[in-house]
Protein backbone atom coordinates (compact mmCIF):
# COMPACT_ATOMS: atom_id res chain seq x y z
CA MET A 1 207.83 -3.35 -64.65
CA GLY A 2 208.79 -0.29 -66.28
CA ALA A 3 211.05 0.59 -63.52
CA ILE A 4 212.76 -2.99 -63.84
CA ARG A 5 212.92 -2.96 -67.50
CA GLU A 6 214.87 0.45 -67.42
CA PHE A 7 217.07 -0.46 -64.64
CA LEU A 8 217.75 -3.51 -66.42
CA GLU A 9 218.34 -1.28 -69.71
CA HIS A 10 220.70 1.14 -68.09
CA GLN A 11 222.64 -2.20 -66.39
CA SER A 12 223.14 -3.72 -70.00
CA SER A 13 224.34 -0.02 -71.82
CA ARG A 14 227.14 -0.15 -68.98
CA GLY A 15 228.61 -3.14 -69.42
CA SER A 16 229.18 -6.20 -67.12
CA TRP A 17 227.52 -5.89 -63.52
CA ILE A 18 227.34 -8.12 -60.83
CA PHE A 19 224.41 -9.41 -58.99
CA GLY A 20 224.52 -11.46 -55.91
CA GLU A 21 226.74 -14.82 -57.19
CA LEU A 22 225.71 -13.91 -61.06
CA SER A 23 227.90 -11.80 -63.65
CA ILE A 24 225.54 -10.60 -66.39
CA GLU A 25 226.55 -8.74 -69.48
CA GLY A 26 223.81 -7.77 -71.99
CA LEU A 27 221.38 -10.60 -71.73
CA THR A 28 224.06 -13.17 -70.70
CA VAL A 29 223.95 -14.43 -67.39
CA ARG A 30 226.28 -17.00 -65.41
CA HIS A 31 228.05 -17.66 -62.22
CA VAL A 32 230.46 -14.76 -61.37
CA GLN A 33 233.14 -17.72 -60.67
CA ASP A 34 232.77 -18.85 -64.31
CA ILE A 35 234.12 -15.77 -66.15
CA PRO A 36 237.17 -17.16 -66.91
CA ALA A 37 235.24 -20.80 -67.89
CA PRO A 38 236.01 -21.69 -71.39
CA THR A 39 233.25 -24.66 -71.19
CA LEU A 40 229.76 -24.10 -70.16
CA LYS A 41 226.44 -25.55 -70.65
CA VAL A 42 223.93 -23.25 -72.45
CA TYR A 43 220.52 -22.57 -71.34
CA THR A 44 218.26 -19.90 -73.36
CA ARG A 45 215.05 -20.02 -71.77
CA PRO A 46 214.29 -18.01 -68.60
CA GLU A 47 212.55 -20.84 -67.28
CA ASP A 48 215.74 -22.96 -66.92
CA ALA A 49 217.11 -20.33 -64.74
CA ARG A 50 214.44 -21.69 -62.13
CA GLU A 51 215.88 -25.25 -62.70
CA LEU A 52 219.75 -23.89 -62.05
CA ALA A 53 218.50 -22.26 -59.14
CA LYS A 54 216.76 -25.13 -57.45
CA PHE A 55 219.72 -27.08 -56.34
CA ASP A 56 223.66 -26.85 -55.57
CA GLU A 57 226.54 -28.43 -56.83
CA SER A 58 226.12 -31.92 -54.76
CA GLY A 59 222.61 -31.83 -55.62
CA ARG A 60 220.98 -31.23 -52.60
CA TYR A 61 217.52 -28.71 -52.78
CA ARG A 62 218.30 -25.21 -51.95
CA PRO A 63 215.69 -23.47 -49.69
CA LEU A 64 217.30 -20.38 -49.18
CA LYS A 65 217.60 -19.30 -52.83
CA THR A 66 220.31 -16.24 -51.69
CA ALA A 67 222.19 -19.15 -50.10
CA PRO A 68 225.99 -18.46 -51.26
CA ASN A 69 225.79 -21.91 -53.10
CA LEU A 70 224.80 -21.43 -56.60
CA ARG A 71 225.53 -24.31 -58.83
CA ARG A 72 228.30 -23.20 -61.10
CA GLY A 73 228.77 -24.68 -64.81
CA TRP A 74 226.24 -23.27 -66.79
CA LEU A 75 225.53 -19.77 -68.98
CA LEU A 76 222.15 -18.28 -69.88
CA ASN A 77 221.83 -16.79 -73.26
CA LEU A 78 218.74 -14.84 -73.05
CA ALA A 79 216.60 -13.21 -75.62
CA SER A 80 215.53 -9.70 -74.42
CA LEU A 81 215.23 -7.88 -71.31
CA ASP A 82 211.75 -9.16 -70.38
CA ASP A 83 213.66 -12.88 -70.28
CA LEU A 84 216.44 -11.45 -68.25
CA ARG A 85 214.00 -9.80 -65.68
CA LEU A 86 211.83 -13.19 -65.14
CA ALA A 87 215.29 -15.24 -64.99
CA LEU A 88 216.80 -13.14 -62.46
CA ASP A 89 213.54 -13.65 -60.59
CA PHE A 90 213.59 -17.40 -60.83
CA ILE A 91 217.33 -16.82 -59.45
CA TYR A 92 216.58 -14.49 -56.41
CA PRO A 93 212.78 -13.71 -56.34
CA ALA A 94 211.92 -10.12 -55.53
CA ALA A 95 215.79 -8.82 -55.57
CA LEU A 96 215.49 -6.38 -58.17
CA GLY A 97 212.20 -4.89 -56.94
CA THR A 98 213.84 -4.47 -53.96
CA TRP A 99 216.39 -2.81 -54.96
CA LEU A 100 214.73 -0.57 -57.35
CA ALA A 101 212.55 0.04 -53.81
CA PHE A 102 215.38 0.95 -51.59
CA SER A 103 216.84 2.99 -53.77
CA ARG A 104 214.24 5.49 -54.64
CA GLY A 105 213.70 5.30 -50.54
CA ASP A 106 210.49 3.50 -50.73
CA LEU A 107 211.64 0.65 -48.52
CA ASP A 108 211.01 0.32 -44.68
CA ALA A 109 213.47 -2.08 -42.83
CA ILE A 110 211.30 -4.53 -40.49
CA PRO A 111 213.26 -4.96 -36.79
CA LEU A 112 213.32 -8.70 -35.94
CA ARG A 113 211.28 -8.40 -33.25
CA GLN A 114 208.25 -6.62 -34.72
CA THR A 115 208.43 -9.77 -37.25
CA LEU A 116 208.79 -12.10 -34.42
CA ASP A 117 206.04 -10.24 -32.18
CA ARG A 118 203.79 -11.11 -35.35
CA GLN A 119 204.20 -14.48 -35.62
CA THR A 120 200.93 -16.87 -34.66
CA GLY A 121 200.75 -20.85 -33.76
CA MET A 122 203.44 -22.74 -33.59
CA TYR A 123 205.95 -19.49 -34.30
CA ARG A 124 204.35 -17.52 -31.91
CA VAL A 125 207.04 -19.00 -29.20
CA ALA A 126 209.75 -17.65 -31.60
CA ARG A 127 209.00 -14.15 -29.90
CA LEU A 128 210.55 -15.70 -26.33
CA ILE A 129 214.30 -15.73 -28.20
CA THR A 130 216.51 -13.44 -26.13
CA ASP A 131 218.44 -10.86 -27.98
CA GLU A 132 222.07 -13.32 -27.79
CA GLN A 133 220.21 -16.20 -29.02
CA ALA A 134 219.05 -14.11 -31.95
CA GLU A 135 222.71 -12.71 -32.69
CA ALA A 136 223.64 -15.99 -32.83
CA ALA A 137 220.56 -17.23 -35.56
CA ILE A 138 221.83 -14.10 -37.42
CA ASP A 139 224.86 -14.76 -37.33
CA GLU A 140 224.54 -18.72 -38.59
CA ILE A 141 221.61 -18.15 -41.30
CA CYS A 142 222.12 -14.50 -42.28
CA ARG A 143 225.70 -13.57 -41.87
CA GLN A 144 227.17 -17.07 -43.06
CA GLY A 145 223.90 -18.63 -44.74
CA CYS A 146 222.82 -16.04 -47.21
CA LEU A 147 224.39 -13.22 -50.01
CA ARG A 148 221.82 -10.62 -49.01
CA ARG A 149 222.76 -7.52 -47.24
CA ARG A 150 220.43 -7.06 -43.99
CA LEU A 151 219.00 -3.29 -43.89
CA TRP A 152 217.31 -4.56 -40.37
CA SER A 153 218.79 -5.44 -36.73
CA ILE A 154 217.40 -7.21 -33.83
CA HIS A 155 215.46 -3.73 -32.89
CA GLY A 156 215.82 -1.55 -35.39
CA ARG A 157 217.13 -0.44 -38.94
CA HIS A 158 220.53 -1.55 -39.84
CA ALA A 159 223.37 0.98 -38.95
CA GLY A 160 224.59 0.61 -42.31
CA ARG A 161 223.88 1.00 -46.00
CA PRO A 162 224.94 -1.36 -48.86
CA ASP A 163 226.96 0.44 -51.65
CA ASP A 164 224.44 3.01 -53.54
CA ASN A 165 227.14 2.63 -56.66
CA LEU A 166 226.05 -0.84 -57.30
CA PRO A 167 223.09 -3.25 -57.27
CA CYS A 168 222.87 -5.57 -54.25
CA VAL A 169 220.17 -8.60 -52.85
CA LEU A 170 218.83 -6.81 -50.10
CA CYS A 171 216.90 -8.12 -47.08
CA ALA A 172 214.39 -5.86 -45.26
CA GLU A 173 212.87 -8.27 -43.02
CA GLY A 174 214.18 -11.61 -41.43
CA CYS A 175 213.00 -14.40 -43.86
CA GLY A 176 210.85 -17.88 -42.39
CA ILE A 177 214.15 -19.75 -42.21
CA LEU A 178 215.58 -17.18 -39.73
CA ILE A 179 212.30 -17.14 -38.02
CA ALA A 180 212.46 -20.86 -37.76
CA ALA A 181 215.89 -20.66 -36.18
CA CYS A 182 214.60 -18.37 -33.83
CA ARG A 183 211.45 -20.70 -32.57
CA THR A 184 213.51 -23.57 -32.41
CA GLU A 185 216.06 -21.43 -29.80
CA ALA A 186 213.10 -19.62 -28.21
CA LYS A 187 211.66 -23.06 -27.22
CA ARG A 188 215.20 -23.94 -25.27
CA ASN A 189 213.38 -20.89 -22.88
CA LEU A 190 210.64 -22.76 -22.23
CA PRO A 191 210.33 -24.38 -18.89
CA GLN A 192 210.37 -28.26 -18.90
């Protein structure tokens, strides 16, 4: 946790910064679209972040924590950098650690085909997805429905790199939601 704490100290000393849908200034966190909002419900415990990230504005459960539908209208006023780290992990699990690993060059992106080749049981059929079907699933799940910046592609590493001058929520490997979508599409390729 030392590297994450150092990172948070550094970021806090630079003023406000954006991370996903969050605006962070010192030990204060809010939805980035709530920056001009005069009245926000104030929370003070890092555990409150877990509840804030659980449901969207309409009360629907958010299975993908990096979906661009984090609810608004709140302000987290935290007591310490440790509380800030914990709150950020509740909102975007492992995102800070992933960013730091990437920034040090210690993060390997896993191509989608490699991820699919590891699937067993009911998800084994996902291996049968065509590249065209995979691109469509990536478009729906990743490009439209997730804040993460992909570092992988279907067959290799992603050609682009995220901006090095800011922290961002990264994706080093296709998630379970994408794998489930690939399974659904690949099942269409089975003989009837």
